[in-house]
Amino acid sequence: MASEFLGVIYVAGETVLKLVPISIALGLIFAVLTHWQACNPGHLWFQRREIATDICYWFLVPLGSRFVRIGLLVLGAALVFDIHGEQPLMDFYENGHGPLSEMPLWVQAIIFLVASDFLLYWIHRAFHRGALWKYHAVHHSSEDLEWISAARFHPVNLFLGTIAVDVALLLAGISPNVMLWVGPFNIATSALVHANLKWTFGPFKYVLASPVFHRWHHTALDRGGNKNFAGTFPIWDWLFGTFYMPENELPDAYGIDDKNFPESFGRQLIYPFLQ
């Protein structure tokens, strides 16, 4: 029992220690970039009203996600492949399994990125409808959209979205080693598309999601809030008719209709259950 507890502490500490230098680097980079290239000029990201709330999300969401992902992978291996025990699980997941694991790691990484983005596009659209919206509204609640807003996700949204897709693709046989490439890429691109920058990527706007592309998604529903669902590759929005980036215009207002939406981290977690 003591060794298991120490293992949890080790994983938690390792996750936080990895996040600290990344966070400092992103904070400095975007502070400089938004000084010269802000989409919505004003105060810097660390001067935002809800900065404490977003810092909680930024550090706690990856921490919780890692434990849930590990748990689901263990459960999946047991239920789908009847694999039990620490060493058999480590052997099973170390380099993936099946046909996908035999491909070069860079090919697996590309498959992972494309497949996950395609699946998340449709999951994202589902979260904009019906009962799921109250969970996704947490992500859209930020009125001062910045790079650190990228982590503002309710656990239910995160579980049914990113975590579920990651687990499904790893159970399909892709090597967990791809996360050494995909993880930093996803952190960087997610922070970038939420950053307060007026970048559109010009002729490459259909290739990679830009800050302006995603900032339109965070506007009111009758403007662009029901468009631009892709997280990384806008080609999905172009193919399925949800691409929206008006020429010579920049988004200027963000948030949701509920003016009584709570600002604190804890109250935002219980918000969907009170609706």
Protein backbone atom coordinates (compact mmCIF):
# COMPACT_ATOMS: atom_id res chain seq x y z
CA MET A 1 0.00 0.00 0.00
CA ALA A 2 2.82 2.39 0.93
CA SER A 3 4.67 1.65 -2.31
CA GLU A 4 1.51 2.32 -4.35
CA PHE A 5 1.02 5.63 -2.56
CA LEU A 6 4.63 6.59 -3.23
CA GLY A 7 4.12 5.64 -6.87
CA VAL A 8 1.17 8.03 -7.11
CA ILE A 9 3.20 10.81 -5.50
CA TYR A 10 6.07 10.16 -7.92
CA VAL A 11 3.83 10.32 -10.99
CA ALA A 12 2.14 13.50 -9.69
CA GLY A 13 5.47 15.16 -8.95
CA GLU A 14 6.92 14.14 -12.29
CA THR A 15 3.92 15.60 -14.14
CA VAL A 16 4.08 18.92 -12.30
CA LEU A 17 7.85 19.22 -12.74
CA LYS A 18 7.46 18.75 -16.48
CA LEU A 19 4.75 21.40 -16.63
CA VAL A 20 6.63 24.11 -14.76
CA PRO A 21 9.38 24.84 -17.36
CA ILE A 22 6.87 24.45 -20.21
CA SER A 23 4.52 26.92 -18.54
CA ILE A 24 7.26 29.47 -17.91
CA ALA A 25 8.45 29.22 -21.51
CA LEU A 26 4.93 29.58 -22.95
CA GLY A 27 4.14 32.45 -20.61
CA LEU A 28 7.22 34.41 -21.70
CA ILE A 29 6.76 33.66 -25.41
CA PHE A 30 3.12 34.69 -25.53
CA ALA A 31 3.69 37.75 -23.35
CA VAL A 32 6.19 39.00 -25.95
CA LEU A 33 4.13 37.97 -28.98
CA THR A 34 0.88 39.52 -27.75
CA HIS A 35 2.68 42.76 -27.00
CA TRP A 36 3.27 43.16 -30.76
CA GLN A 37 0.64 40.94 -32.39
CA ALA A 38 -2.43 41.01 -30.14
CA CYS A 39 -5.79 40.22 -31.69
CA ASN A 40 -7.51 42.08 -28.87
CA PRO A 41 -5.10 44.66 -27.38
CA GLY A 42 -5.28 45.28 -23.66
CA HIS A 43 -3.73 43.74 -20.60
CA LEU A 44 -1.27 40.85 -20.65
CA TRP A 45 -2.34 37.26 -19.95
CA PHE A 46 -1.18 37.23 -16.32
CA GLN A 47 -3.26 40.35 -15.60
CA ARG A 48 -6.53 38.58 -16.44
CA ARG A 49 -9.34 38.56 -13.91
CA GLU A 50 -9.59 34.75 -13.77
CA ILE A 51 -5.90 33.94 -13.93
CA ALA A 52 -5.99 31.96 -10.64
CA THR A 53 -8.78 29.75 -11.99
CA ASP A 54 -6.92 29.02 -15.21
CA ILE A 55 -3.71 28.23 -13.36
CA CYS A 56 -5.65 25.59 -11.40
CA TYR A 57 -6.89 24.08 -14.66
CA TRP A 58 -3.45 24.31 -16.29
CA PHE A 59 -1.77 22.18 -13.60
CA LEU A 60 -4.57 19.98 -12.28
CA VAL A 61 -6.12 18.91 -15.60
CA PRO A 62 -2.95 17.21 -16.97
CA LEU A 63 -2.36 15.62 -13.58
CA GLY A 64 -5.84 14.14 -13.35
CA SER A 65 -5.84 13.17 -17.02
CA ARG A 66 -2.66 11.15 -16.64
CA PHE A 67 -4.02 9.03 -13.80
CA VAL A 68 -7.38 8.46 -15.53
CA ARG A 69 -5.65 7.57 -18.82
CA ILE A 70 -3.40 5.03 -17.07
CA GLY A 71 -6.36 3.52 -15.26
CA LEU A 72 -8.41 3.16 -18.44
CA LEU A 73 -5.50 1.60 -20.31
CA VAL A 74 -5.08 -1.00 -17.55
CA LEU A 75 -8.83 -1.67 -17.55
CA GLY A 76 -8.92 -1.85 -21.34
CA ALA A 77 -6.06 -4.34 -21.48
CA ALA A 78 -7.80 -6.53 -18.92
CA LEU A 79 -11.25 -6.45 -20.53
CA VAL A 80 -10.26 -6.53 -24.21
CA PHE A 81 -7.06 -8.58 -24.17
CA ASP A 82 -7.35 -10.42 -20.82
CA ILE A 83 -3.97 -9.09 -19.68
CA HIS A 84 -3.34 -8.76 -15.95
CA GLY A 85 -0.38 -8.02 -13.70
CA GLU A 86 2.16 -5.20 -13.68
CA GLN A 87 4.86 -6.76 -15.84
CA PRO A 88 2.52 -8.21 -18.53
CA LEU A 89 0.85 -4.78 -18.79
CA MET A 90 4.20 -3.05 -19.13
CA ASP A 91 5.26 -5.53 -21.81
CA PHE A 92 1.95 -5.09 -23.64
CA TYR A 93 2.06 -1.31 -23.76
CA GLU A 94 5.80 -0.69 -23.97
CA ASN A 95 5.96 -0.56 -27.77
CA GLY A 96 2.34 -1.00 -28.78
CA HIS A 97 0.94 -4.16 -30.33
CA GLY A 98 -0.42 -5.51 -33.61
CA PRO A 99 0.06 -4.10 -37.12
CA LEU A 100 0.13 -0.45 -36.06
CA SER A 101 3.07 -0.98 -33.71
CA GLU A 102 5.16 -2.37 -36.58
CA MET A 103 5.08 0.94 -38.44
CA PRO A 104 7.85 3.54 -37.96
CA LEU A 105 7.21 5.70 -34.91
CA TRP A 106 6.83 8.87 -36.98
CA VAL A 107 4.13 7.19 -39.08
CA GLN A 108 2.31 6.13 -35.92
CA ALA A 109 2.53 9.71 -34.65
CA ILE A 110 0.94 11.04 -37.85
CA ILE A 111 -1.82 8.42 -37.71
CA PHE A 112 -2.44 9.31 -34.08
CA LEU A 113 -2.64 13.05 -34.78
CA VAL A 114 -4.92 12.75 -37.80
CA ALA A 115 -7.21 10.08 -36.34
CA SER A 116 -7.55 11.79 -32.95
CA ASP A 117 -8.26 15.18 -34.52
CA PHE A 118 -10.94 13.66 -36.78
CA LEU A 119 -12.64 11.90 -33.86
CA LEU A 120 -12.38 14.96 -31.63
CA TYR A 121 -13.93 17.12 -34.36
CA TRP A 122 -17.17 15.09 -34.14
CA ILE A 123 -17.03 14.79 -30.36
CA HIS A 124 -16.56 18.56 -30.18
CA ARG A 125 -19.65 19.10 -32.33
CA ALA A 126 -21.62 16.77 -30.05
CA PHE A 127 -20.63 18.83 -27.02
CA HIS A 128 -22.24 21.88 -28.60
CA ARG A 129 -25.65 20.21 -28.52
CA GLY A 130 -28.15 19.20 -25.90
CA ALA A 131 -27.16 18.02 -22.45
CA LEU A 132 -23.45 17.93 -23.22
CA TRP A 133 -23.20 21.69 -23.73
CA LYS A 134 -23.37 22.47 -19.99
CA TYR A 135 -20.02 20.66 -19.59
CA HIS A 136 -18.40 22.26 -22.61
CA ALA A 137 -19.70 25.69 -21.55
CA VAL A 138 -16.94 25.67 -18.93
CA HIS A 139 -14.34 25.83 -21.70
CA HIS A 140 -16.22 28.64 -23.46
CA SER A 141 -16.77 30.66 -20.29
CA SER A 142 -13.50 32.59 -20.51
CA GLU A 143 -14.18 36.18 -21.58
CA ASP A 144 -10.46 37.02 -21.68
CA LEU A 145 -9.31 34.29 -24.01
CA GLU A 146 -5.60 33.54 -23.68
CA TRP A 147 -3.17 30.68 -24.21
CA ILE A 148 -3.65 29.44 -20.66
CA SER A 149 -7.40 29.10 -21.34
CA ALA A 150 -6.54 25.98 -23.35
CA ALA A 151 -6.72 23.78 -20.24
CA ARG A 152 -10.10 25.04 -19.01
CA PHE A 153 -12.09 21.84 -19.49
CA HIS A 154 -14.61 20.21 -17.24
CA PRO A 155 -13.53 16.65 -16.26
CA VAL A 156 -16.59 15.14 -18.00
CA ASN A 157 -15.72 16.96 -21.22
CA LEU A 158 -12.11 15.84 -20.93
CA PHE A 159 -13.03 12.24 -20.15
CA LEU A 160 -15.47 11.81 -23.04
CA GLY A 161 -13.18 13.69 -25.41
CA THR A 162 -9.40 13.69 -25.29
CA ILE A 163 -8.88 10.88 -22.77
CA ALA A 164 -11.34 8.48 -24.42
CA VAL A 165 -9.80 9.06 -27.86
CA ASP A 166 -6.24 8.64 -26.58
CA VAL A 167 -7.11 5.38 -24.84
CA ALA A 168 -8.96 4.03 -27.89
CA LEU A 169 -6.00 4.68 -30.21
CA LEU A 170 -3.47 3.21 -27.78
CA LEU A 171 -5.64 0.13 -27.31
CA ALA A 172 -5.78 -0.15 -31.12
CA GLY A 173 -2.05 -0.79 -31.03
CA ILE A 174 -0.29 2.55 -31.43
CA SER A 175 2.82 2.73 -29.28
CA PRO A 176 2.62 4.98 -26.20
CA ASN A 177 6.05 6.19 -27.30
CA VAL A 178 4.34 8.45 -29.84
CA MET A 179 3.27 10.62 -26.89
CA LEU A 180 6.87 11.77 -26.58
CA TRP A 181 6.25 13.62 -29.87
CA VAL A 182 2.51 14.12 -29.82
CA GLY A 183 2.32 15.39 -26.22
CA PRO A 184 4.52 18.49 -26.64
CA PHE A 185 2.98 19.16 -30.08
CA ASN A 186 -0.56 19.11 -28.66
CA ILE A 187 0.38 21.37 -25.74
CA ALA A 188 2.03 23.88 -28.05
CA THR A 189 -0.73 23.94 -30.68
CA SER A 190 -3.51 24.09 -28.09
CA ALA A 191 -1.83 27.03 -26.35
CA LEU A 192 -1.21 28.70 -29.71
CA VAL A 193 -4.80 28.55 -30.98
CA HIS A 194 -6.06 30.04 -27.72
CA ALA A 195 -3.42 32.77 -27.68
CA ASN A 196 -4.38 36.41 -28.09
CA LEU A 197 -2.78 36.73 -31.54
CA LYS A 198 -4.11 38.07 -34.83
CA TRP A 199 -2.46 35.34 -36.87
CA THR A 200 -4.55 33.66 -39.59
CA PHE A 201 -1.76 31.65 -41.28
CA GLY A 202 -2.87 33.10 -44.63
CA PRO A 203 -2.88 30.46 -47.42
CA PHE A 204 -2.22 27.73 -44.82
CA LYS A 205 -5.42 28.49 -42.90
CA TYR A 206 -6.93 25.16 -44.01
CA VAL A 207 -3.81 23.20 -43.05
CA LEU A 208 -3.27 24.18 -39.42
CA ALA A 209 -5.59 25.85 -36.94
CA SER A 210 -4.62 29.46 -36.27
CA PRO A 211 -5.37 31.70 -33.27
CA VAL A 212 -7.95 33.71 -35.24
CA PHE A 213 -9.58 30.51 -36.54
CA HIS A 214 -10.15 29.24 -33.01
CA ARG A 215 -10.96 32.59 -31.46
CA TRP A 216 -13.98 32.80 -33.77
CA HIS A 217 -15.12 29.52 -32.23
CA HIS A 218 -15.16 31.19 -28.80
CA THR A 219 -17.43 34.03 -29.91
CA ALA A 220 -21.24 34.12 -29.64
CA LEU A 221 -23.12 31.30 -31.36
CA ASP A 222 -24.64 33.63 -33.96
CA ARG A 223 -21.17 34.84 -34.97
CA GLY A 224 -18.73 31.94 -35.06
CA GLY A 225 -19.31 30.03 -31.84
CA ASN A 226 -20.92 27.13 -33.68
CA LYS A 227 -18.15 26.85 -36.27
CA ASN A 228 -14.46 25.87 -36.37
CA PHE A 229 -14.61 22.66 -34.34
CA ALA A 230 -11.25 21.23 -35.42
CA GLY A 231 -8.52 21.39 -32.84
CA THR A 232 -5.54 21.07 -35.18
CA PHE A 233 -6.52 20.51 -38.81
CA PRO A 234 -9.22 22.89 -40.17
CA ILE A 235 -9.65 20.64 -43.20
CA TRP A 236 -12.41 18.85 -41.26
CA ASP A 237 -14.36 22.11 -40.94
CA TRP A 238 -13.85 22.82 -44.63
CA LEU A 239 -15.01 19.32 -45.62
CA PHE A 240 -18.09 19.31 -43.38
CA GLY A 241 -19.21 22.92 -43.85
CA THR A 242 -18.27 24.44 -40.51
CA PHE A 243 -15.30 26.58 -41.52
CA TYR A 244 -15.68 30.28 -40.62
CA MET A 245 -13.08 33.01 -41.00
CA PRO A 246 -14.48 36.25 -42.45
CA GLU A 247 -12.00 38.35 -44.39
CA ASN A 248 -10.60 41.53 -42.83
CA GLU A 249 -12.41 41.03 -39.54
CA LEU A 250 -11.20 39.89 -36.13
CA PRO A 251 -13.26 38.45 -33.26
CA ASP A 252 -13.61 40.82 -30.33
CA ALA A 253 -15.89 39.26 -27.67
CA TYR A 254 -15.87 35.86 -26.01
CA GLY A 255 -17.74 33.89 -23.37
CA ILE A 256 -21.20 32.37 -22.90
CA ASP A 257 -24.68 33.78 -22.40
CA ASP A 258 -24.91 32.86 -18.72
CA LYS A 259 -23.89 36.04 -16.91
CA ASN A 260 -24.05 34.23 -13.56
CA PHE A 261 -21.41 31.70 -14.54
CA PRO A 262 -19.03 31.26 -11.56
CA GLU A 263 -15.42 32.43 -11.73
CA SER A 264 -13.81 30.07 -9.22
CA PHE A 265 -12.33 26.69 -10.14
CA GLY A 266 -14.37 24.69 -7.63
CA ARG A 267 -17.71 26.27 -8.50
CA GLN A 268 -17.08 25.76 -12.20
CA LEU A 269 -16.62 22.03 -11.59
CA ILE A 270 -20.07 21.72 -10.00
CA TYR A 271 -21.76 24.20 -12.39
CA PRO A 272 -23.01 21.58 -14.92
CA PHE A 273 -24.63 19.50 -12.19
CA LEU A 274 -26.70 22.47 -11.02
CA GLN A 275 -28.23 23.14 -14.43
